[in-house]
Each structure stands twice: as structure tokens, then as C-alpha cells.
Amino acid sequence: MIHVSIIDEDIVGSYGDTHFRVEFESVLYNEMLELAEIANSATSMEDYKASLDTFAGMVQVDYTTLVEDKAFGLIYVNPITKEFFLKEGGKFSKVPMPEALVNRIYDSIDQGVDFMPLIKMWTRWLRNPILAKKKGTDFSNKFFNFVNMKYVHPKMKTELMEEHGLSEEVATKRATMYQMKITQEGLLNGYKVSREIMHKYDSETGEEVDRYKRTFNPDTGEIDSEGLPEHVEERLFEPAMMGTNGDAFHCEGINGTGLGHFIRVGCNHYLDSWSQVNTNDNVSCVKGLHVGGLKYIAWYSGEIHNVFIDPMHIGAVPDDQDGAIRCKQYFVHSSLSGVNGSIYHSSTYAAKTDEEWKEMREELITECNKEAKTAAESLPADV
């Protein structure tokens, strides 16, 4: 039998034991209905099989052509190797896209989801100076395996089962999510765990005192307030694992603290150079700024921050299954511990790192020109 119907602006159904889903086109849909009627009223097995064979040709999707078209000319697919490469101005990237990334693009097409954030993320990844030093493929595969990590949210799963009566299988499927989000600009949206600093020092005596002062109800003695600031930007944190150990990093922003070991919402946090990031993927708990996904942060206690990471700032991926990455820079845009006083858009941070890339590219071009000039001057003069 051939079954044809429309779901979410796609043509879906089955022919024989094979299911299909293709983009809706009125001409194609009408042709399918006509062929379905012929097949479903066939009087011989030969005619029936011929109808199925014809129908199979109608639902075959050329994903490579489809991706090239939908990516607005930003992707080139090698017709022989079927590898995907970024394309810009008639030039192609040297590093092919990981298979996991290509499959995610395919899945996005099947689900009607915009895959351009994936392309933008890959573009940012290709700017990564450590990628060039590591020669590409393995590092890229680990990077996207990390981006592709999934996580079954335990609280959501329990609520779906206990409050909505879903089976464990269905609840598990619905509670499964990607650990790392991808913004429209191609940034990663990950997580950082910290400890809040609840003390400060008296500016005159140097004595350690409480940073915040509790207030109590004068009649009942119950706590009225913990004394915390209204907005989380005014609160001070430090990395949960490293604390004040390791290299000092910059905390830059309106409420920034300068060079040290402090974390603040609304600030860009970065190290001075790549020499302060251990880029060996085979070691863990070493120098660099650490961020991770949902499963990683579940191993630590403390305050959870949401952070933006530009892929060009990632120096190592020591665990691409459920671990963290080490990077040179990240931006803290919110925290689960309090309410923001301002909104920090991913587009603003993306524009900042784009400007950084522009400067990096100009420096690279200048350096290459200097090397070319030096090499030319060292050549012997013509006799």
C-alpha cells in the first residue's frame, strides 16, 4: 500500500514497508496521490511493484544538493568523497566538516529546523588558531562531539512520569536535550560553576567581615532578608574548582574587577595569551578557563552561570562525552543564583569577537607579508 498525507507543511507517509518525509510541493503531492491510487488498486503483483519502484524515485532526497541550496552557497560538497567544506568567495576551507555535524544538518532539514547557526558555529571554529596548529580533523571531531552531547534531565523526566503519567521510555525521550545550546550567531551557550564570595575586607583594618548583612524581624526573630543585592551583577564569585589557584584572568565590564580570580555576571573573562591554556586534549584539570555542559556541572556544587563561548577561543576538548572544554575566553550573561539587572545579548558578544577576529586576520596577513618580503630579500641577485 501507498499512504500519503501532509504534516507540518511536509508530505509524509509510506510505500510498502518504507516511510518517507519530503518537502511539500503541490505538483509532487498530486502525482503521489495519483500513483497511490494506481498502486492501491493494482490487480497484479507486477503492476503493484512497478508502482512502488516509481514512487521510491519520487521521494528520494538529494541531501547534498539540498544542503548546498539551503546554505545560500556557503557549503561545497565534494562529489567524490561527499565531504562538506565551508565555501566563501570561491575558496573552500581545508578542514572538512565532521560527520556528526553533517548528520545534524541532515536532521535539521528533516525536522524543518534552521541549520544556519550550525554553519556560523563552524565558521567561528575555523578561525581558531589552535585548530591550525593541531592540523584539524581530530580536534574538529572532538569539538563537534562535545557540541553534540546529549543529556537526560532527571527532574524533567521524573515530572513527566509522575505528574503527566508518561512511560519511562517516552519521558526519557522528551527529557533528552543537547547539553550545549548554539546561538543564532554561532556561539556556544554553556555553563560555569562558581562559589559566591560572602566576605570582604575592612578597608581600614584589613579585617575580614561579612559582605552582606542579614536582617531579622524584630518581633519574631525570623530572617527577613539575607541582605543580597537586588541584581546578580553586584555579587562576586570565584571558580568552584580552581578558586584562586592558576593564572589570573581578566574580568572586564562595567562592574569588572580587573585582573584576578573573580567572576561577575555581565563581564567578559579572558586570559592574556594562549600560553596560559593547556591545549593537550589528553590531560584534564590543567590550566585554562573551564566551562562545560549540563552533565559536567552536575558534578560540582555551587552557583551555576550561563556563558557564551566563541568556538575560536577553545583550546582543548579533553572529554567530548560529558566533560568540559578549556578556553581562553568566555562571557557570563546570567546566573541561576539571581536576577539580572540588564540583558546581555549574544549578538553583542558575537560582534565583539568578530572584531577580534578582524584584528587577528590583519595581523596574520601583515606577518605573512613580512615573511614573504624577508624571503624575497634573501634570494641571490641575478647575475
Protein backbone atom coordinates (compact mmCIF):
# COMPACT_ATOMS: atom_id res chain seq x y z
CA MET A 1 0.00 0.00 0.00
CA ILE A 2 0.99 3.62 -0.53
CA HIS A 3 -0.13 6.17 2.08
CA VAL A 4 0.28 9.91 1.53
CA SER A 5 -0.60 12.77 3.90
CA ILE A 6 0.60 16.22 4.95
CA ILE A 7 2.13 17.09 8.35
CA ASP A 8 3.69 20.45 9.21
CA GLU A 9 3.90 21.51 5.56
CA ASP A 10 5.72 18.30 4.57
CA ILE A 11 4.48 15.30 2.60
CA VAL A 12 4.75 12.19 4.76
CA GLY A 13 3.63 8.60 4.51
CA SER A 14 4.84 5.17 3.46
CA TYR A 15 5.14 2.90 0.44
CA GLY A 16 5.26 -0.79 1.24
CA ASP A 17 7.27 -1.01 4.49
CA THR A 18 9.26 2.17 3.83
CA HIS A 19 8.40 5.51 5.46
CA PHE A 20 9.24 8.88 3.91
CA ARG A 21 9.08 12.61 4.52
CA VAL A 22 9.75 15.23 1.85
CA GLU A 23 9.21 18.96 1.44
CA PHE A 24 5.72 19.83 0.18
CA GLU A 25 5.24 20.72 -3.48
CA SER A 26 1.73 20.79 -4.92
CA VAL A 27 2.69 19.12 -8.23
CA LEU A 28 4.62 16.37 -6.43
CA TYR A 29 1.79 15.84 -3.96
CA ASN A 30 -0.79 15.40 -6.73
CA GLU A 31 1.47 13.00 -8.62
CA MET A 32 1.90 10.96 -5.43
CA LEU A 33 -1.86 10.76 -4.89
CA GLU A 34 -2.38 9.56 -8.46
CA LEU A 35 0.31 6.91 -8.14
CA ALA A 36 -1.03 5.82 -4.75
CA GLU A 37 -4.46 5.25 -6.31
CA ILE A 38 -2.92 3.18 -9.10
CA ALA A 39 -0.85 1.08 -6.68
CA ASN A 40 -3.65 0.56 -4.20
CA SER A 41 -5.99 -0.67 -6.95
CA ALA A 42 -3.43 -2.81 -8.83
CA THR A 43 -4.68 -6.26 -9.79
CA SER A 44 -1.28 -7.89 -10.29
CA MET A 45 1.84 -8.03 -8.14
CA GLU A 46 3.92 -6.94 -11.13
CA ASP A 47 1.92 -3.71 -11.55
CA TYR A 48 1.98 -3.10 -7.78
CA LYS A 49 5.79 -3.47 -7.55
CA ALA A 50 6.24 -1.21 -10.58
CA SER A 51 4.19 1.50 -8.84
CA LEU A 52 6.29 1.17 -5.67
CA ASP A 53 9.51 1.46 -7.67
CA THR A 54 8.24 4.61 -9.38
CA PHE A 55 7.11 6.06 -6.05
CA ALA A 56 10.50 5.33 -4.46
CA GLY A 57 12.15 7.54 -7.08
CA MET A 58 9.77 10.38 -6.24
CA VAL A 59 10.72 10.51 -2.55
CA GLN A 60 14.49 10.20 -2.86
CA VAL A 61 16.08 13.36 -1.43
CA ASP A 62 19.45 14.54 -2.71
CA TYR A 63 20.68 15.91 0.60
CA THR A 64 23.95 17.24 -0.77
CA THR A 65 22.19 19.42 -3.35
CA LEU A 66 19.55 20.37 -0.81
CA VAL A 67 22.15 21.48 1.75
CA GLU A 68 24.12 23.43 -0.84
CA ASP A 69 20.94 25.25 -1.91
CA LYS A 70 19.64 25.96 1.59
CA ALA A 71 23.07 27.15 2.81
CA PHE A 72 22.99 30.03 0.30
CA GLY A 73 26.22 28.93 -1.37
CA LEU A 74 28.21 28.71 1.90
CA ILE A 75 28.79 24.95 1.63
CA TYR A 76 30.58 22.90 -1.01
CA VAL A 77 30.10 19.13 -1.14
CA ASN A 78 32.90 17.14 -2.78
CA PRO A 79 31.08 14.94 -5.33
CA ILE A 80 33.59 12.11 -4.91
CA THR A 81 34.31 12.00 -1.16
CA LYS A 82 30.92 13.53 -0.17
CA GLU A 83 32.80 15.64 2.38
CA PHE A 84 31.35 19.05 3.30
CA PHE A 85 33.51 22.17 3.21
CA LEU A 86 32.81 25.78 4.07
CA LYS A 87 32.75 27.95 0.94
CA GLU A 88 33.33 31.68 0.72
CA GLY A 89 34.20 33.83 -2.25
CA GLY A 90 35.12 30.88 -4.45
CA LYS A 91 37.50 29.45 -1.83
CA PHE A 92 36.99 26.33 0.28
CA SER A 93 38.09 25.51 3.80
CA LYS A 94 40.85 22.93 4.18
CA VAL A 95 39.18 21.16 7.10
CA PRO A 96 36.08 19.09 6.22
CA MET A 97 33.04 19.20 8.48
CA PRO A 98 32.86 16.30 10.96
CA GLU A 99 30.39 13.57 10.06
CA ALA A 100 28.42 14.31 13.24
CA LEU A 101 27.95 17.92 12.11
CA VAL A 102 26.81 16.83 8.64
CA ASN A 103 24.31 14.41 10.22
CA ARG A 104 23.00 17.18 12.47
CA ILE A 105 22.45 19.36 9.40
CA TYR A 106 20.52 16.49 7.79
CA ASP A 107 18.43 16.07 10.94
CA SER A 108 17.71 19.80 10.98
CA ILE A 109 16.45 19.62 7.40
CA ASP A 110 14.21 16.64 8.22
CA GLN A 111 12.77 18.47 11.24
CA GLY A 112 12.35 21.79 9.44
CA VAL A 113 14.87 23.45 11.77
CA ASP A 114 17.16 26.28 10.62
CA PHE A 115 20.70 24.90 10.40
CA MET A 116 22.44 28.23 9.71
CA PRO A 117 23.53 28.58 13.39
CA LEU A 118 25.49 25.33 12.86
CA ILE A 119 27.19 26.81 9.79
CA LYS A 120 28.02 30.02 11.66
CA MET A 121 29.40 27.99 14.57
CA TRP A 122 31.62 26.06 12.15
CA THR A 123 32.81 29.32 10.58
CA ARG A 124 33.87 30.57 14.02
CA TRP A 125 35.59 27.26 14.72
CA LEU A 126 37.70 27.60 11.56
CA ARG A 127 39.05 30.90 12.95
CA ASN A 128 40.56 29.02 15.91
CA PRO A 129 44.37 29.43 15.96
CA ILE A 130 44.81 26.18 17.90
CA LEU A 131 42.93 24.32 15.15
CA ALA A 132 45.60 25.40 12.65
CA LYS A 133 48.37 24.14 14.95
CA LYS A 134 46.66 20.79 15.59
CA LYS A 135 46.12 20.24 11.85
CA GLY A 136 42.42 19.93 12.06
CA THR A 137 40.45 16.74 11.69
CA ASP A 138 40.78 15.01 15.09
CA PHE A 139 40.42 18.25 17.02
CA SER A 140 37.37 19.19 14.94
CA ASN A 141 35.75 15.80 15.54
CA LYS A 142 36.24 16.13 19.30
CA PHE A 143 34.88 19.67 19.22
CA PHE A 144 31.66 18.74 17.49
CA ASN A 145 31.21 15.55 19.53
CA PHE A 146 31.29 17.88 22.53
CA VAL A 147 28.74 20.23 20.94
CA ASN A 148 26.57 17.21 20.10
CA MET A 149 26.47 15.82 23.66
CA LYS A 150 23.01 14.98 24.96
CA TYR A 151 21.67 14.83 28.49
CA VAL A 152 18.56 13.33 30.07
CA HIS A 153 17.31 15.94 32.52
CA PRO A 154 16.43 13.91 35.65
CA LYS A 155 13.97 16.41 37.15
CA MET A 156 12.08 16.82 33.89
CA LYS A 157 11.96 13.05 33.36
CA THR A 158 10.55 12.48 36.86
CA GLU A 159 7.90 15.20 36.42
CA LEU A 160 6.81 13.76 33.06
CA MET A 161 6.38 10.32 34.61
CA GLU A 162 4.85 11.27 37.97
CA GLU A 163 2.76 14.32 37.07
CA HIS A 164 1.82 13.56 33.46
CA GLY A 165 1.73 9.77 33.53
CA LEU A 166 4.18 9.20 30.67
CA SER A 167 6.01 5.90 30.36
CA GLU A 168 9.72 5.86 31.21
CA GLU A 169 10.64 5.42 27.54
CA VAL A 170 8.57 8.39 26.36
CA ALA A 171 9.61 10.55 29.34
CA THR A 172 13.28 9.79 28.68
CA LYS A 173 12.93 10.81 25.04
CA ARG A 174 11.17 14.07 25.90
CA ALA A 175 13.65 14.91 28.67
CA THR A 176 16.66 14.40 26.38
CA MET A 177 18.31 17.63 25.23
CA TYR A 178 21.57 18.93 23.82
CA GLN A 179 23.92 19.93 26.61
CA MET A 180 25.30 22.89 24.69
CA LYS A 181 22.99 25.42 23.05
CA ILE A 182 24.00 27.24 19.86
CA THR A 183 23.03 30.89 19.42
CA GLN A 184 21.86 32.42 16.15
CA GLU A 185 25.35 33.89 15.74
CA GLY A 186 27.08 30.52 16.14
CA LEU A 187 28.29 31.00 19.72
CA LEU A 188 28.10 28.16 22.24
CA ASN A 189 25.91 28.71 25.29
CA GLY A 190 27.39 26.60 28.09
CA TYR A 191 27.77 26.61 31.85
CA LYS A 192 30.22 27.58 34.57
CA VAL A 193 30.07 26.65 38.27
CA SER A 194 31.39 29.05 40.90
CA ARG A 195 31.45 29.76 44.62
CA GLU A 196 30.00 33.02 45.85
CA ILE A 197 32.34 35.14 47.92
CA MET A 198 30.37 36.03 51.03
CA HIS A 199 33.07 38.06 52.82
CA LYS A 200 35.05 41.23 52.18
CA TYR A 201 37.83 43.11 53.98
CA ASP A 202 37.56 46.25 56.03
CA SER A 203 39.36 48.97 54.06
CA GLU A 204 40.93 50.43 57.20
CA THR A 205 41.79 47.40 59.34
CA GLY A 206 42.05 44.64 56.72
CA GLU A 207 39.79 42.54 58.90
CA GLU A 208 37.54 40.00 57.18
CA VAL A 209 33.88 40.91 57.56
CA ASP A 210 30.56 39.74 56.11
CA ARG A 211 29.91 41.09 52.61
CA TYR A 212 26.15 41.09 53.19
CA LYS A 213 24.20 41.72 56.36
CA ARG A 214 21.16 39.69 57.34
CA THR A 215 18.15 41.47 58.72
CA PHE A 216 15.69 39.95 61.19
CA ASN A 217 12.08 40.50 62.10
CA PRO A 218 12.24 42.37 65.43
CA ASP A 219 9.11 40.63 66.70
CA THR A 220 9.67 37.01 65.67
CA GLY A 221 13.43 36.83 65.20
CA GLU A 222 12.92 35.21 61.81
CA ILE A 223 15.19 36.14 58.90
CA ASP A 224 13.68 38.97 56.88
CA SER A 225 16.44 39.16 54.27
CA GLU A 226 19.83 37.65 53.50
CA GLY A 227 20.98 41.12 52.51
CA LEU A 228 21.86 40.10 48.96
CA PRO A 229 21.88 42.82 46.28
CA GLU A 230 18.80 43.10 44.08
CA HIS A 231 20.73 42.24 40.91
CA VAL A 232 23.18 39.41 40.43
CA GLU A 233 25.72 41.66 38.66
CA GLU A 234 26.58 43.18 42.03
CA ARG A 235 27.55 39.83 43.52
CA LEU A 236 31.06 38.35 43.43
CA PHE A 237 32.09 34.78 42.57
CA GLU A 238 35.21 32.68 42.01
CA PRO A 239 35.72 29.41 40.05
CA ALA A 240 34.39 26.43 42.01
CA MET A 241 37.28 24.10 41.17
CA MET A 242 40.33 26.38 40.79
CA GLY A 243 39.40 29.11 43.28
CA THR A 244 42.37 31.49 43.45
CA ASN A 245 44.81 28.94 42.01
CA GLY A 246 46.16 29.05 38.47
CA ASP A 247 46.76 32.05 36.26
CA ALA A 248 44.89 35.25 36.98
CA PHE A 249 42.36 36.23 34.32
CA HIS A 250 40.68 39.48 33.35
CA CYS A 251 37.12 40.24 34.45
CA GLU A 252 36.16 43.07 32.11
CA GLY A 253 32.92 45.04 32.05
CA ILE A 254 31.04 47.91 33.70
CA ASN A 255 31.24 46.03 37.02
CA GLY A 256 34.53 44.29 36.20
CA THR A 257 37.21 43.59 38.80
CA GLY A 258 40.26 43.67 36.53
CA LEU A 259 42.99 41.02 36.70
CA GLY A 260 42.41 38.36 39.35
CA HIS A 261 40.28 35.29 40.02
CA PHE A 262 36.83 36.84 40.18
CA ILE A 263 33.72 36.09 38.12
CA ARG A 264 30.90 38.54 37.60
CA VAL A 265 27.72 38.42 35.55
CA GLY A 266 27.83 40.89 32.66
CA CYS A 267 31.59 40.59 32.24
CA ASN A 268 33.99 39.15 29.69
CA HIS A 269 36.56 36.82 31.27
CA TYR A 270 39.79 36.13 29.43
CA LEU A 271 43.43 35.14 29.76
CA ASP A 272 46.25 37.25 28.33
CA SER A 273 47.66 34.59 25.99
CA TRP A 274 47.25 31.05 24.67
CA SER A 275 50.33 30.06 26.69
CA GLN A 276 48.00 30.12 29.72
CA VAL A 277 45.78 27.41 28.21
CA ASN A 278 46.93 23.78 28.16
CA THR A 279 45.86 22.68 24.67
CA ASN A 280 46.63 18.97 25.17
CA ASP A 281 43.35 17.07 24.75
CA ASN A 282 44.73 14.08 26.66
CA VAL A 283 45.04 15.75 30.08
CA SER A 284 42.43 17.17 32.45
CA CYS A 285 42.32 19.61 35.39
CA VAL A 286 45.13 21.76 34.00
CA LYS A 287 45.50 25.46 33.20
CA GLY A 288 42.92 27.35 31.17
CA LEU A 289 39.37 28.62 31.69
CA HIS A 290 36.95 25.71 32.16
CA VAL A 291 33.33 25.57 31.01
CA GLY A 292 31.08 22.60 30.33
CA GLY A 293 27.68 21.12 29.63
CA LEU A 294 24.81 20.06 31.86
CA LYS A 295 26.30 16.72 32.92
CA TYR A 296 29.67 18.25 33.74
CA ILE A 297 28.30 20.91 36.06
CA ALA A 298 26.20 18.28 37.87
CA TRP A 299 29.45 17.01 39.40
CA TYR A 300 30.12 20.29 41.21
CA SER A 301 28.30 22.20 43.90
CA GLY A 302 27.97 25.95 43.73
CA GLU A 303 26.30 28.67 41.71
CA ILE A 304 25.60 27.99 38.03
CA HIS A 305 26.28 30.66 35.42
CA ASN A 306 25.26 30.73 31.76
CA VAL A 307 28.16 31.65 29.49
CA PHE A 308 28.80 32.44 25.83
CA ILE A 309 31.87 30.88 24.22
CA ASP A 310 33.13 31.69 20.76
CA PRO A 311 34.50 28.43 19.23
CA MET A 312 37.64 30.29 18.17
CA HIS A 313 38.57 30.58 21.88
CA ILE A 314 38.52 26.82 22.62
CA GLY A 315 41.97 25.38 23.27
CA ALA A 316 41.27 21.78 24.26
CA VAL A 317 38.47 19.21 24.43
CA PRO A 318 39.72 16.66 26.99
CA ASP A 319 36.37 14.85 27.27
CA ASP A 320 33.91 15.00 24.39
CA GLN A 321 31.39 12.69 26.09
CA ASP A 322 30.34 14.54 29.23
CA GLY A 323 33.28 16.70 30.30
CA ALA A 324 34.46 20.27 29.93
CA ILE A 325 36.44 22.31 27.47
CA ARG A 326 39.35 24.61 28.21
CA CYS A 327 39.26 28.01 26.61
CA LYS A 328 40.92 31.39 26.57
CA GLN A 329 37.78 33.49 26.95
CA TYR A 330 34.07 33.40 27.84
CA PHE A 331 31.30 35.85 28.69
CA VAL A 332 28.95 35.36 31.67
CA HIS A 333 25.49 36.55 30.64
CA SER A 334 23.32 35.31 33.55
CA SER A 335 23.20 33.18 36.66
CA LEU A 336 20.72 30.84 38.29
CA SER A 337 21.59 32.42 41.63
CA GLY A 338 19.90 35.74 40.97
CA VAL A 339 18.08 38.15 38.66
CA ASN A 340 19.88 40.21 36.03
CA GLY A 341 19.71 43.98 36.09
CA SER A 342 20.49 44.13 32.36
CA ILE A 343 20.11 41.90 29.31
CA TYR A 344 23.28 40.70 27.59
CA HIS A 345 22.58 39.71 24.00
CA SER A 346 24.60 37.05 22.22
CA SER A 347 24.72 39.33 19.17
CA THR A 348 26.64 41.97 21.16
CA TYR A 349 29.29 39.49 22.30
CA ALA A 350 29.47 37.94 18.81
CA ALA A 351 30.16 41.39 17.34
CA LYS A 352 32.98 41.84 19.85
CA THR A 353 34.66 38.54 18.94
CA ASP A 354 34.12 39.25 15.22
CA GLU A 355 36.08 42.47 15.68
CA GLU A 356 38.78 40.49 17.50
CA TRP A 357 38.95 38.07 14.55
CA LYS A 358 39.27 41.01 12.13
CA GLU A 359 42.29 42.25 14.08
CA MET A 360 43.79 38.74 14.24
CA ARG A 361 43.36 38.29 10.49
CA GLU A 362 45.01 41.64 9.75
CA GLU A 363 47.95 40.69 11.98
CA LEU A 364 48.30 37.33 10.20
CA ILE A 365 48.27 39.00 6.79
CA THR A 366 50.87 41.55 7.93
CA GLU A 367 53.09 38.81 9.34
CA CYS A 368 52.79 36.72 6.15
CA ASN A 369 53.73 39.75 4.05
CA LYS A 370 56.78 40.38 6.25
CA GLU A 371 57.89 36.75 5.90
CA ALA A 372 57.41 36.88 2.13
CA LYS A 373 59.42 40.11 1.89
CA THR A 374 62.24 38.69 4.05
CA ALA A 375 62.35 35.54 1.93
CA ALA A 376 62.50 37.60 -1.27
CA GLU A 377 65.32 39.79 0.07
CA SER A 378 67.36 36.70 0.99
CA LEU A 379 67.36 35.43 -2.58
CA PRO A 380 70.64 35.93 -4.50
CA ALA A 381 70.65 38.79 -7.01
CA ASP A 382 70.52 37.91 -10.71
CA VAL A 383 73.94 37.84 -12.31
